[in-house]
Amino acid sequence: MEQGASYFGVRDLRHVEEDLDRFADEGLNAILHTYSERDRLFYEETMANVVAASNDRGFTTYVNPWGVGKVFGGEALSQFLGKHPGDRQQLVTGSREHAACFNSPAFREFVREWTRSAVGLDPDVVFWDEPHWILPEWFDDDEPDDAWVCRCEHCRRRYREEHDAPMPATEDDTVRRFREDSLLEFLDEMMAIVREGGAENAVCLVPESDADHGIADWKRLAGGEYIDLISTDPYWGLFAGDDVEGFVRDSVDRVTDLASTHGLRSQIWVQGFGLPDDPSTYDNVRTATRCAAESEVDSVFMWGYDGCRSISSIASKNPERVWGTYLDALPESSP
């Protein structure tokens, strides 16, 4: 079984190598390297060396579009949005939101370039992390409850081409299906580039993915031509109530069932960020890790390494203990 963590923020190869050696000693055999817009602009060769160092140590290597266009998960900022304000998602009210539109030709070309660059780093897997349309309440509590995205000129044009009718101003099932179709077609295009480049594709969906986020029917994603691994991240601190074990087990069952049906691998992410320093935290980390590790899931990762201690805004209150609890709950591995 893969046992790994996400890794970010360190771009000095000497320090990266020290961390990689430590991770191997701690029993990990896989690593995800974040690859943001900033990384592609300024650290492309550095990141190729980072991935190579990981490959040389026998890790399964992943890279992900960290915060790219703000339609993927991550704390990185997006230069694309600043340069292309007219290619942001548009609310039905007319206001633009802080995320790129999947139907924007400029954004598609931008992500094609990111994808070719990511594959050029020579990872084993490109990890499409939480691809989503945005929810208006994330950015503006003053928007009406029935506000929705995206009704920009690109979406309206594509909707008319596909339905021979103008896009309605009221969100209905046809609009929701159009939004899902657009996101899945976008992913297919990018994953085809990855496959052609010799790497594999993983897609991670938040456990409450629905029509509002963009993908309600996970079976459509799992049945696609280019996906190799399906993943979800049951972060109990964000999504669950008191039944952490039940919440994680439901997510495990969901991805393993889809993986079995469609010939894919499966993956579960364990929360390592934003956790308080109390006994329930470590019980929950241990429970979530063991629920995944003792199931038929193929891969278990924590977001992120060392309890996210390097990102002060989301670091766990006792990151070293969170990290140690995760490592202790993993079965022995042979890196």
C-alpha atoms as a PDB file:
ATOM      1  CA  MET A   1       0.000   0.000   0.000  1.00  0.00           C
ATOM      2  CA  GLU A   2       1.165   3.510  -0.766  1.00  0.00           C
ATOM      3  CA  GLN A   3       1.815   5.564   2.342  1.00  0.00           C
ATOM      4  CA  GLY A   4       2.556   9.193   1.737  1.00  0.00           C
ATOM      5  CA  ALA A   5       2.053  12.884   2.395  1.00  0.00           C
ATOM      6  CA  SER A   6       1.876  16.149   0.528  1.00  0.00           C
ATOM      7  CA  TYR A   7       5.036  18.258   0.541  1.00  0.00           C
ATOM      8  CA  PHE A   8       5.288  21.979  -0.147  1.00  0.00           C
ATOM      9  CA  GLY A   9       7.131  25.196   0.557  1.00  0.00           C
ATOM     10  CA  VAL A  10      10.717  23.884   0.346  1.00  0.00           C
ATOM     11  CA  ARG A  11      12.565  24.632  -2.885  1.00  0.00           C
ATOM     12  CA  ASP A  12      16.173  24.201  -1.750  1.00  0.00           C
ATOM     13  CA  LEU A  13      17.162  20.726  -2.946  1.00  0.00           C
ATOM     14  CA  ARG A  14      19.534  20.178  -0.022  1.00  0.00           C
ATOM     15  CA  HIS A  15      16.710  20.575   2.464  1.00  0.00           C
ATOM     16  CA  VAL A  16      14.303  18.595   0.291  1.00  0.00           C
ATOM     17  CA  GLU A  17      16.700  15.663   0.245  1.00  0.00           C
ATOM     18  CA  GLU A  18      17.001  15.739   4.023  1.00  0.00           C
ATOM     19  CA  ASP A  19      13.226  15.599   4.348  1.00  0.00           C
ATOM     20  CA  LEU A  20      12.908  12.826   1.779  1.00  0.00           C
ATOM     21  CA  ASP A  21      15.456  10.722   3.630  1.00  0.00           C
ATOM     22  CA  ARG A  22      13.546  11.302   6.855  1.00  0.00           C
ATOM     23  CA  PHE A  23      10.240  10.352   5.228  1.00  0.00           C
ATOM     24  CA  ALA A  24      11.762   7.108   3.976  1.00  0.00           C
ATOM     25  CA  ASP A  25      13.069   6.355   7.483  1.00  0.00           C
ATOM     26  CA  GLU A  26       9.580   7.058   8.842  1.00  0.00           C
ATOM     27  CA  GLY A  27       8.071   4.433   6.534  1.00  0.00           C
ATOM     28  CA  LEU A  28       6.631   6.518   3.693  1.00  0.00           C
ATOM     29  CA  ASN A  29       6.944   5.323   0.105  1.00  0.00           C
ATOM     30  CA  ALA A  30       5.048   8.037  -1.796  1.00  0.00           C
ATOM     31  CA  ILE A  31       5.154  11.829  -1.929  1.00  0.00           C
ATOM     32  CA  LEU A  32       3.037  14.557  -3.516  1.00  0.00           C
ATOM     33  CA  HIS A  33       4.852  17.710  -4.586  1.00  0.00           C
ATOM     34  CA  THR A  34       2.722  20.804  -5.017  1.00  0.00           C
ATOM     35  CA  TYR A  35       3.322  22.606  -8.319  1.00  0.00           C
ATOM     36  CA  SER A  36       1.752  26.045  -8.322  1.00  0.00           C
ATOM     37  CA  GLU A  37       1.626  28.751 -10.956  1.00  0.00           C
ATOM     38  CA  ARG A  38       4.584  30.352  -9.178  1.00  0.00           C
ATOM     39  CA  ASP A  39       6.531  27.105  -9.284  1.00  0.00           C
ATOM     40  CA  ARG A  40       6.008  26.759 -13.027  1.00  0.00           C
ATOM     41  CA  LEU A  41       7.127  30.340 -13.627  1.00  0.00           C
ATOM     42  CA  PHE A  42      10.192  30.410 -11.405  1.00  0.00           C
ATOM     43  CA  TYR A  43      11.078  26.914 -10.159  1.00  0.00           C
ATOM     44  CA  GLU A  44      10.465  24.543 -13.067  1.00  0.00           C
ATOM     45  CA  GLU A  45      14.031  23.184 -13.235  1.00  0.00           C
ATOM     46  CA  THR A  46      14.220  23.125  -9.447  1.00  0.00           C
ATOM     47  CA  MET A  47      11.016  21.106  -9.276  1.00  0.00           C
ATOM     48  CA  ALA A  48      12.341  18.662 -11.869  1.00  0.00           C
ATOM     49  CA  ASN A  49      15.313  18.100  -9.561  1.00  0.00           C
ATOM     50  CA  VAL A  50      12.997  17.690  -6.570  1.00  0.00           C
ATOM     51  CA  VAL A  51      10.926  15.067  -8.373  1.00  0.00           C
ATOM     52  CA  ALA A  52      14.099  13.330  -9.563  1.00  0.00           C
ATOM     53  CA  ALA A  53      15.412  13.161  -5.997  1.00  0.00           C
ATOM     54  CA  SER A  54      12.124  11.579  -4.952  1.00  0.00           C
ATOM     55  CA  ASN A  55      12.234   9.088  -7.813  1.00  0.00           C
ATOM     56  CA  ASP A  56      15.838   8.197  -6.988  1.00  0.00           C
ATOM     57  CA  ARG A  57      14.769   7.252  -3.458  1.00  0.00           C
ATOM     58  CA  GLY A  58      12.058   4.933  -4.712  1.00  0.00           C
ATOM     59  CA  PHE A  59       9.080   7.107  -3.864  1.00  0.00           C
ATOM     60  CA  THR A  60       5.966   7.043  -6.003  1.00  0.00           C
ATOM     61  CA  THR A  61       5.846  10.695  -7.042  1.00  0.00           C
ATOM     62  CA  TYR A  62       2.785  12.877  -7.541  1.00  0.00           C
ATOM     63  CA  VAL A  63       2.515  16.518  -8.617  1.00  0.00           C
ATOM     64  CA  ASN A  64      -0.629  18.620  -8.393  1.00  0.00           C
ATOM     65  CA  PRO A  65      -1.903  21.979  -9.725  1.00  0.00           C
ATOM     66  CA  TRP A  66      -1.756  23.678  -6.340  1.00  0.00           C
ATOM     67  CA  GLY A  67      -4.282  26.517  -6.448  1.00  0.00           C
ATOM     68  CA  VAL A  68      -3.971  26.884 -10.227  1.00  0.00           C
ATOM     69  CA  GLY A  69      -6.731  29.239 -11.355  1.00  0.00           C
ATOM     70  CA  LYS A  70      -8.194  28.683  -7.852  1.00  0.00           C
ATOM     71  CA  VAL A  71     -10.262  25.832  -9.298  1.00  0.00           C
ATOM     72  CA  PHE A  72      -7.983  23.273  -7.629  1.00  0.00           C
ATOM     73  CA  GLY A  73      -7.286  22.927  -3.931  1.00  0.00           C
ATOM     74  CA  GLY A  74      -4.422  24.745  -2.259  1.00  0.00           C
ATOM     75  CA  GLU A  75      -3.191  27.879  -0.528  1.00  0.00           C
ATOM     76  CA  ALA A  76      -1.215  29.183  -3.532  1.00  0.00           C
ATOM     77  CA  LEU A  77      -2.316  32.381  -5.264  1.00  0.00           C
ATOM     78  CA  SER A  78      -3.190  32.605  -8.960  1.00  0.00           C
ATOM     79  CA  GLN A  79      -1.484  35.052 -11.280  1.00  0.00           C
ATOM     80  CA  PHE A  80      -3.782  33.945 -14.092  1.00  0.00           C
ATOM     81  CA  LEU A  81      -6.751  35.600 -12.392  1.00  0.00           C
ATOM     82  CA  GLY A  82      -4.918  38.899 -12.133  1.00  0.00           C
ATOM     83  CA  LYS A  83      -3.910  38.860 -15.765  1.00  0.00           C
ATOM     84  CA  HIS A  84      -7.258  37.588 -17.072  1.00  0.00           C
ATOM     85  CA  PRO A  85     -10.062  39.211 -15.054  1.00  0.00           C
ATOM     86  CA  GLY A  86     -12.536  38.554 -17.874  1.00  0.00           C
ATOM     87  CA  ASP A  87     -11.923  34.819 -17.658  1.00  0.00           C
ATOM     88  CA  ARG A  88     -13.084  34.437 -14.083  1.00  0.00           C
ATOM     89  CA  GLN A  89     -16.289  32.621 -13.204  1.00  0.00           C
ATOM     90  CA  GLN A  90     -19.300  34.940 -13.318  1.00  0.00           C
ATOM     91  CA  LEU A  91     -22.291  34.864 -11.034  1.00  0.00           C
ATOM     92  CA  VAL A  92     -25.760  35.095 -12.502  1.00  0.00           C
ATOM     93  CA  THR A  93     -25.873  38.514 -10.801  1.00  0.00           C
ATOM     94  CA  GLY A  94     -23.011  39.654 -13.060  1.00  0.00           C
ATOM     95  CA  SER A  95     -20.179  39.826 -10.532  1.00  0.00           C
ATOM     96  CA  ARG A  96     -16.927  37.977 -11.157  1.00  0.00           C
ATOM     97  CA  GLU A  97     -15.599  35.490  -8.619  1.00  0.00           C
ATOM     98  CA  HIS A  98     -12.122  34.463  -7.535  1.00  0.00           C
ATOM     99  CA  ALA A  99     -11.721  31.439  -9.798  1.00  0.00           C
ATOM    100  CA  ALA A 100     -11.138  30.817 -13.489  1.00  0.00           C
ATOM    101  CA  CYS A 101     -13.859  29.466 -15.752  1.00  0.00           C
ATOM    102  CA  PHE A 102     -13.356  25.944 -17.090  1.00  0.00           C
ATOM    103  CA  ASN A 103     -14.885  27.030 -20.402  1.00  0.00           C
ATOM    104  CA  SER A 104     -12.503  29.940 -20.898  1.00  0.00           C
ATOM    105  CA  PRO A 105     -10.260  29.260 -23.940  1.00  0.00           C
ATOM    106  CA  ALA A 106      -7.457  31.260 -22.312  1.00  0.00           C
ATOM    107  CA  PHE A 107      -7.641  29.212 -19.114  1.00  0.00           C
ATOM    108  CA  ARG A 108      -7.747  25.951 -21.014  1.00  0.00           C
ATOM    109  CA  GLU A 109      -4.577  26.867 -22.876  1.00  0.00           C
ATOM    110  CA  PHE A 110      -2.982  27.971 -19.602  1.00  0.00           C
ATOM    111  CA  VAL A 111      -3.715  24.605 -17.979  1.00  0.00           C
ATOM    112  CA  ARG A 112      -2.552  22.733 -21.088  1.00  0.00           C
ATOM    113  CA  GLU A 113       0.792  24.500 -20.664  1.00  0.00           C
ATOM    114  CA  TRP A 114       0.836  23.716 -16.928  1.00  0.00           C
ATOM    115  CA  THR A 115       0.066  20.064 -17.686  1.00  0.00           C
ATOM    116  CA  ARG A 116       2.848  19.702 -20.229  1.00  0.00           C
ATOM    117  CA  SER A 117       5.229  21.291 -17.749  1.00  0.00           C
ATOM    118  CA  ALA A 118       4.042  19.018 -14.930  1.00  0.00           C
ATOM    119  CA  VAL A 119       4.521  15.885 -17.036  1.00  0.00           C
ATOM    120  CA  GLY A 120       7.970  17.163 -17.975  1.00  0.00           C
ATOM    121  CA  LEU A 121       8.970  16.980 -14.308  1.00  0.00           C
ATOM    122  CA  ASP A 122       8.779  13.172 -14.707  1.00  0.00           C
ATOM    123  CA  PRO A 123       6.333  12.282 -11.921  1.00  0.00           C
ATOM    124  CA  ASP A 124       4.539   8.964 -11.781  1.00  0.00           C
ATOM    125  CA  VAL A 125       1.141  10.633 -11.299  1.00  0.00           C
ATOM    126  CA  VAL A 126      -0.498  14.003 -11.927  1.00  0.00           C
ATOM    127  CA  PHE A 127      -2.966  14.587  -9.115  1.00  0.00           C
ATOM    128  CA  TRP A 128      -6.029  16.670 -10.036  1.00  0.00           C
ATOM    129  CA  ASP A 129      -6.884  17.999  -6.596  1.00  0.00           C
ATOM    130  CA  GLU A 130     -10.506  18.926  -5.823  1.00  0.00           C
ATOM    131  CA  PRO A 131     -11.474  20.369  -9.232  1.00  0.00           C
ATOM    132  CA  HIS A 132     -14.519  22.518  -8.581  1.00  0.00           C
ATOM    133  CA  TRP A 133     -16.771  25.352  -9.548  1.00  0.00           C
ATOM    134  CA  ILE A 134     -16.954  27.869  -6.745  1.00  0.00           C
ATOM    135  CA  LEU A 135     -19.836  28.458  -4.348  1.00  0.00           C
ATOM    136  CA  PRO A 136     -20.772  32.159  -4.097  1.00  0.00           C
ATOM    137  CA  GLU A 137     -20.953  32.130  -0.289  1.00  0.00           C
ATOM    138  CA  TRP A 138     -17.240  31.328  -0.143  1.00  0.00           C
ATOM    139  CA  PHE A 139     -16.487  34.910  -1.165  1.00  0.00           C
ATOM    140  CA  ASP A 140     -19.525  37.102  -0.539  1.00  0.00           C
ATOM    141  CA  ASP A 141     -22.202  36.597   2.099  1.00  0.00           C
ATOM    142  CA  ASP A 142     -24.226  39.404   0.511  1.00  0.00           C
ATOM    143  CA  GLU A 143     -25.007  37.455  -2.647  1.00  0.00           C
ATOM    144  CA  PRO A 144     -28.566  36.110  -2.866  1.00  0.00           C
ATOM    145  CA  ASP A 145     -29.129  32.487  -1.856  1.00  0.00           C
ATOM    146  CA  ASP A 146     -29.999  31.492  -5.414  1.00  0.00           C
ATOM    147  CA  ALA A 147     -26.830  32.967  -6.952  1.00  0.00           C
ATOM    148  CA  TRP A 148     -24.821  30.507  -9.033  1.00  0.00           C
ATOM    149  CA  VAL A 149     -21.913  30.182 -11.459  1.00  0.00           C
ATOM    150  CA  CYS A 150     -20.996  30.281 -14.183  1.00  0.00           C
ATOM    151  CA  ARG A 151     -22.834  32.501 -16.639  1.00  0.00           C
ATOM    152  CA  CYS A 152     -19.908  34.181 -18.337  1.00  0.00           C
ATOM    153  CA  GLU A 153     -19.784  34.733 -22.087  1.00  0.00           C
ATOM    154  CA  HIS A 154     -17.808  31.511 -22.595  1.00  0.00           C
ATOM    155  CA  CYS A 155     -20.386  29.409 -20.768  1.00  0.00           C
ATOM    156  CA  ARG A 156     -23.313  31.138 -22.461  1.00  0.00           C
ATOM    157  CA  ARG A 157     -21.745  30.599 -25.870  1.00  0.00           C
ATOM    158  CA  ARG A 158     -21.031  26.937 -25.225  1.00  0.00           C
ATOM    159  CA  TYR A 159     -24.475  26.354 -23.725  1.00  0.00           C
ATOM    160  CA  ARG A 160     -26.140  27.823 -26.822  1.00  0.00           C
ATOM    161  CA  GLU A 161     -23.987  25.652 -29.103  1.00  0.00           C
ATOM    162  CA  GLU A 162     -24.938  22.514 -27.190  1.00  0.00           C
ATOM    163  CA  HIS A 163     -28.626  23.240 -26.529  1.00  0.00           C
ATOM    164  CA  ASP A 164     -29.571  25.591 -29.369  1.00  0.00           C
ATOM    165  CA  ALA A 165     -31.078  27.892 -26.755  1.00  0.00           C
ATOM    166  CA  PRO A 166     -29.862  30.708 -24.502  1.00  0.00           C
ATOM    167  CA  MET A 167     -28.563  29.760 -21.074  1.00  0.00           C
ATOM    168  CA  PRO A 168     -31.332  30.400 -18.539  1.00  0.00           C
ATOM    169  CA  ALA A 169     -30.915  32.884 -15.706  1.00  0.00           C
ATOM    170  CA  THR A 170     -32.358  30.363 -13.263  1.00  0.00           C
ATOM    171  CA  GLU A 171     -30.252  27.370 -12.265  1.00  0.00           C
ATOM    172  CA  ASP A 172     -32.031  24.183 -13.267  1.00  0.00           C
ATOM    173  CA  ASP A 173     -31.109  20.539 -13.879  1.00  0.00           C
ATOM    174  CA  THR A 174     -29.989  21.312 -17.416  1.00  0.00           C
ATOM    175  CA  VAL A 175     -27.598  23.986 -16.158  1.00  0.00           C
ATOM    176  CA  ARG A 176     -26.275  21.643 -13.480  1.00  0.00           C
ATOM    177  CA  ARG A 177     -25.670  18.918 -16.054  1.00  0.00           C
ATOM    178  CA  PHE A 178     -23.964  21.422 -18.358  1.00  0.00           C
ATOM    179  CA  ARG A 179     -21.660  22.466 -15.542  1.00  0.00           C
ATOM    180  CA  GLU A 180     -20.762  18.844 -14.777  1.00  0.00           C
ATOM    181  CA  ASP A 181     -20.217  18.094 -18.475  1.00  0.00           C
ATOM    182  CA  SER A 182     -17.924  21.098 -18.792  1.00  0.00           C
ATOM    183  CA  LEU A 183     -15.786  20.096 -15.822  1.00  0.00           C
ATOM    184  CA  LEU A 184     -15.503  16.461 -16.894  1.00  0.00           C
ATOM    185  CA  GLU A 185     -14.617  17.431 -20.475  1.00  0.00           C
ATOM    186  CA  PHE A 186     -11.962  19.829 -19.155  1.00  0.00           C
ATOM    187  CA  LEU A 187     -10.421  17.097 -17.020  1.00  0.00           C
ATOM    188  CA  ASP A 188     -10.510  14.606 -19.882  1.00  0.00           C
ATOM    189  CA  GLU A 189      -8.604  16.993 -22.121  1.00  0.00           C
ATOM    190  CA  MET A 190      -5.885  17.569 -19.536  1.00  0.00           C
ATOM    191  CA  MET A 191      -5.679  13.921 -18.486  1.00  0.00           C
ATOM    192  CA  ALA A 192      -5.206  12.907 -22.120  1.00  0.00           C
ATOM    193  CA  ILE A 193      -2.100  15.114 -22.226  1.00  0.00           C
ATOM    194  CA  VAL A 194      -0.806  13.406 -19.085  1.00  0.00           C
ATOM    195  CA  ARG A 195      -1.430   9.938 -20.486  1.00  0.00           C
ATOM    196  CA  GLU A 196       0.278  10.849 -23.764  1.00  0.00           C
ATOM    197  CA  GLY A 197       3.260  12.072 -21.746  1.00  0.00           C
ATOM    198  CA  GLY A 198       3.624   8.724 -19.995  1.00  0.00           C
ATOM    199  CA  ALA A 199       2.287   9.563 -16.528  1.00  0.00           C
ATOM    200  CA  GLU A 200      -0.891   8.477 -14.764  1.00  0.00           C
ATOM    201  CA  ASN A 201      -3.878  10.517 -13.583  1.00  0.00           C
ATOM    202  CA  ALA A 202      -5.441  10.714 -10.151  1.00  0.00           C
ATOM    203  CA  VAL A 203      -8.532  12.778  -9.356  1.00  0.00           C
ATOM    204  CA  CYS A 204      -9.487  13.725  -5.807  1.00  0.00           C
ATOM    205  CA  LEU A 205     -13.038  14.883  -5.039  1.00  0.00           C
ATOM    206  CA  VAL A 206     -14.222  16.373  -1.777  1.00  0.00           C
ATOM    207  CA  PRO A 207     -16.524  13.915   0.034  1.00  0.00           C
ATOM    208  CA  GLU A 208     -19.529  16.197  -0.353  1.00  0.00           C
ATOM    209  CA  SER A 209     -19.098  16.770  -4.089  1.00  0.00           C
ATOM    210  CA  ASP A 210     -22.418  17.630  -5.665  1.00  0.00           C
ATOM    211  CA  ALA A 211     -23.924  19.580  -8.521  1.00  0.00           C
ATOM    212  CA  ASP A 212     -22.984  22.864  -6.859  1.00  0.00           C
ATOM    213  CA  HIS A 213     -19.301  21.930  -6.856  1.00  0.00           C
ATOM    214  CA  GLY A 214     -19.502  20.472 -10.345  1.00  0.00           C
ATOM    215  CA  ILE A 215     -19.416  16.662 -10.173  1.00  0.00           C
ATOM    216  CA  ALA A 216     -22.463  15.016  -8.665  1.00  0.00           C
ATOM    217  CA  ASP A 217     -22.101  11.683 -10.449  1.00  0.00           C
ATOM    218  CA  TRP A 218     -18.740  10.187  -9.475  1.00  0.00           C
ATOM    219  CA  LYS A 219     -19.439   7.184 -11.711  1.00  0.00           C
ATOM    220  CA  ARG A 220     -19.079   9.378 -14.793  1.00  0.00           C
ATOM    221  CA  LEU A 221     -15.615  10.414 -13.641  1.00  0.00           C
ATOM    222  CA  ALA A 222     -14.571   6.883 -12.674  1.00  0.00           C
ATOM    223  CA  GLY A 223     -15.690   5.538 -16.038  1.00  0.00           C
ATOM    224  CA  GLY A 224     -13.548   7.973 -17.998  1.00  0.00           C
ATOM    225  CA  GLU A 225     -10.846   6.889 -20.413  1.00  0.00           C
ATOM    226  CA  TYR A 226      -7.842   8.561 -18.797  1.00  0.00           C
ATOM    227  CA  ILE A 227      -8.270   8.250 -15.036  1.00  0.00           C
ATOM    228  CA  ASP A 228      -6.120   5.713 -13.158  1.00  0.00           C
ATOM    229  CA  LEU A 229      -6.843   6.478  -9.499  1.00  0.00           C
ATOM    230  CA  ILE A 230      -9.887   7.917  -7.721  1.00  0.00           C
ATOM    231  CA  SER A 231      -9.422   9.664  -4.409  1.00  0.00           C
ATOM    232  CA  THR A 232     -11.332  11.553  -1.762  1.00  0.00           C
ATOM    233  CA  ASP A 233     -10.383  13.500   1.353  1.00  0.00           C
ATOM    234  CA  PRO A 234     -12.774  12.919   4.280  1.00  0.00           C
ATOM    235  CA  TYR A 235     -11.466  15.780   6.394  1.00  0.00           C
ATOM    236  CA  TRP A 236     -13.654  15.390   9.444  1.00  0.00           C
ATOM    237  CA  GLY A 237     -12.791  18.835  10.778  1.00  0.00           C
ATOM    238  CA  LEU A 238     -14.449  20.376   7.706  1.00  0.00           C
ATOM    239  CA  PHE A 239     -17.231  17.982   6.769  1.00  0.00           C
ATOM    240  CA  ALA A 240     -18.069  15.494   9.528  1.00  0.00           C
ATOM    241  CA  GLY A 241     -20.056  15.547  12.717  1.00  0.00           C
ATOM    242  CA  ASP A 242     -19.161  13.445  15.731  1.00  0.00           C
ATOM    243  CA  ASP A 243     -18.992  10.100  13.903  1.00  0.00           C
ATOM    244  CA  VAL A 244     -15.528  10.409  12.406  1.00  0.00           C
ATOM    245  CA  GLU A 245     -15.115   6.674  11.908  1.00  0.00           C
ATOM    246  CA  GLY A 246     -18.423   6.317  10.077  1.00  0.00           C
ATOM    247  CA  PHE A 247     -17.654   9.333   7.924  1.00  0.00           C
ATOM    248  CA  VAL A 248     -14.252   8.008   6.888  1.00  0.00           C
ATOM    249  CA  ARG A 249     -15.557   4.472   6.310  1.00  0.00           C
ATOM    250  CA  ASP A 250     -18.272   5.821   4.006  1.00  0.00           C
ATOM    251  CA  SER A 251     -15.599   7.578   1.945  1.00  0.00           C
ATOM    252  CA  VAL A 252     -13.416   4.462   1.889  1.00  0.00           C
ATOM    253  CA  ASP A 253     -16.338   2.343   0.697  1.00  0.00           C
ATOM    254  CA  ARG A 254     -17.245   4.868  -1.971  1.00  0.00           C
ATOM    255  CA  VAL A 255     -13.834   5.048  -3.635  1.00  0.00           C
ATOM    256  CA  THR A 256     -13.000   1.360  -3.283  1.00  0.00           C
ATOM    257  CA  ASP A 257     -16.347   0.374  -4.803  1.00  0.00           C
ATOM    258  CA  LEU A 258     -15.814   2.727  -7.742  1.00  0.00           C
ATOM    259  CA  ALA A 259     -12.226   1.575  -8.156  1.00  0.00           C
ATOM    260  CA  SER A 260     -13.260  -2.075  -8.172  1.00  0.00           C
ATOM    261  CA  THR A 261     -16.032  -1.483 -10.694  1.00  0.00           C
ATOM    262  CA  HIS A 262     -13.923   0.560 -13.107  1.00  0.00           C
ATOM    263  CA  GLY A 263     -10.503  -1.041 -12.736  1.00  0.00           C
ATOM    264  CA  LEU A 264      -8.908   1.893 -10.896  1.00  0.00           C
ATOM    265  CA  ARG A 265      -6.782   2.332  -7.803  1.00  0.00           C
ATOM    266  CA  SER A 266      -8.222   4.060  -4.742  1.00  0.00           C
ATOM    267  CA  GLN A 267      -6.865   6.601  -2.288  1.00  0.00           C
ATOM    268  CA  ILE A 268      -7.867   8.262   0.992  1.00  0.00           C
ATOM    269  CA  TRP A 269      -6.462  11.469   2.469  1.00  0.00           C
ATOM    270  CA  VAL A 270      -6.163  11.976   6.231  1.00  0.00           C
ATOM    271  CA  GLN A 271      -6.540  15.450   7.705  1.00  0.00           C
ATOM    272  CA  GLY A 272      -3.332  16.826   9.202  1.00  0.00           C
ATOM    273  CA  PHE A 273      -4.126  20.551   9.157  1.00  0.00           C
ATOM    274  CA  GLY A 274      -6.162  22.885  11.341  1.00  0.00           C
ATOM    275  CA  LEU A 275      -6.519  20.392  14.182  1.00  0.00           C
ATOM    276  CA  PRO A 276      -6.735  21.430  17.846  1.00  0.00           C
ATOM    277  CA  ASP A 277      -4.411  20.070  20.502  1.00  0.00           C
ATOM    278  CA  ASP A 278      -6.796  17.819  22.405  1.00  0.00           C
ATOM    279  CA  PRO A 279      -7.136  14.048  22.910  1.00  0.00           C
ATOM    280  CA  SER A 280      -9.941  13.696  20.359  1.00  0.00           C
ATOM    281  CA  THR A 281      -7.653  15.018  17.623  1.00  0.00           C
ATOM    282  CA  TYR A 282      -5.190  12.178  17.977  1.00  0.00           C
ATOM    283  CA  ASP A 283      -7.955   9.614  18.359  1.00  0.00           C
ATOM    284  CA  ASN A 284      -9.458  10.897  15.113  1.00  0.00           C
ATOM    285  CA  VAL A 285      -6.150  10.903  13.212  1.00  0.00           C
ATOM    286  CA  ARG A 286      -5.497   7.349  14.395  1.00  0.00           C
ATOM    287  CA  THR A 287      -9.025   6.219  13.566  1.00  0.00           C
ATOM    288  CA  ALA A 288      -9.052   7.774  10.089  1.00  0.00           C
ATOM    289  CA  THR A 289      -5.641   6.377   9.213  1.00  0.00           C
ATOM    290  CA  ARG A 290      -6.480   2.870  10.392  1.00  0.00           C
ATOM    291  CA  CYS A 291      -9.892   2.898   8.693  1.00  0.00           C
ATOM    292  CA  ALA A 292      -8.129   3.514   5.405  1.00  0.00           C
ATOM    293  CA  ALA A 293      -5.053   1.362   5.980  1.00  0.00           C
ATOM    294  CA  GLU A 294      -7.026  -1.671   7.123  1.00  0.00           C
ATOM    295  CA  SER A 295      -9.429  -1.487   4.170  1.00  0.00           C
ATOM    296  CA  GLU A 296      -8.911  -2.400   0.522  1.00  0.00           C
ATOM    297  CA  VAL A 297      -7.770   1.108  -0.339  1.00  0.00           C
ATOM    298  CA  ASP A 298      -4.535   1.232  -2.350  1.00  0.00           C
ATOM    299  CA  SER A 299      -3.088   4.487  -1.067  1.00  0.00           C
ATOM    300  CA  VAL A 300      -3.211   6.583   2.128  1.00  0.00           C
ATOM    301  CA  PHE A 301      -1.824  10.118   2.321  1.00  0.00           C
ATOM    302  CA  MET A 302      -1.853  12.907   4.891  1.00  0.00           C
ATOM    303  CA  TRP A 303      -2.304  16.553   4.007  1.00  0.00           C
ATOM    304  CA  GLY A 304       0.227  17.622   4.823  1.00  0.00           C
ATOM    305  CA  TYR A 305       3.681  16.667   6.017  1.00  0.00           C
ATOM    306  CA  ASP A 306       4.626  17.464   9.609  1.00  0.00           C
ATOM    307  CA  GLY A 307       1.042  18.435  10.425  1.00  0.00           C
ATOM    308  CA  CYS A 308       1.266  21.463   8.098  1.00  0.00           C
ATOM    309  CA  ARG A 309       3.447  23.257  10.636  1.00  0.00           C
ATOM    310  CA  SER A 310       5.063  25.426   7.924  1.00  0.00           C
ATOM    311  CA  ILE A 311       1.745  27.054   6.917  1.00  0.00           C
ATOM    312  CA  SER A 312       0.853  29.022  10.027  1.00  0.00           C
ATOM    313  CA  SER A 313      -2.689  29.842   8.882  1.00  0.00           C
ATOM    314  CA  ILE A 314      -3.707  26.165   8.753  1.00  0.00           C
ATOM    315  CA  ALA A 315      -1.090  24.422  10.926  1.00  0.00           C
ATOM    316  CA  SER A 316      -2.380  22.028  13.533  1.00  0.00           C
ATOM    317  CA  LYS A 317      -1.881  23.296  17.084  1.00  0.00           C
ATOM    318  CA  ASN A 318       0.497  20.451  17.864  1.00  0.00           C
ATOM    319  CA  PRO A 319       1.711  19.505  14.381  1.00  0.00           C
ATOM    320  CA  GLU A 320       4.492  17.193  15.513  1.00  0.00           C
ATOM    321  CA  ARG A 321       2.075  15.053  17.491  1.00  0.00           C
ATOM    322  CA  VAL A 322      -0.428  14.970  14.612  1.00  0.00           C
ATOM    323  CA  TRP A 323       2.332  13.800  12.274  1.00  0.00           C
ATOM    324  CA  GLY A 324       3.628  11.236  14.735  1.00  0.00           C
ATOM    325  CA  THR A 325       0.139   9.855  15.314  1.00  0.00           C
ATOM    326  CA  TYR A 326      -0.356   9.403  11.576  1.00  0.00           C
ATOM    327  CA  LEU A 327       2.960   7.608  11.168  1.00  0.00           C
ATOM    328  CA  ASP A 328       2.304   5.347  14.145  1.00  0.00           C
ATOM    329  CA  ALA A 329      -1.119   4.357  12.765  1.00  0.00           C
ATOM    330  CA  LEU A 330       0.279   3.288   9.393  1.00  0.00           C
ATOM    331  CA  PRO A 331       1.217  -0.356   8.870  1.00  0.00           C
ATOM    332  CA  GLU A 332       4.872  -1.153   8.316  1.00  0.00           C
ATOM    333  CA  SER A 333       5.944  -0.287   4.785  1.00  0.00           C
ATOM    334  CA  SER A 334       8.794  -1.250   2.530  1.00  0.00           C
ATOM    335  CA  PRO A 335       9.814   1.971   0.738  1.00  0.00           C
END
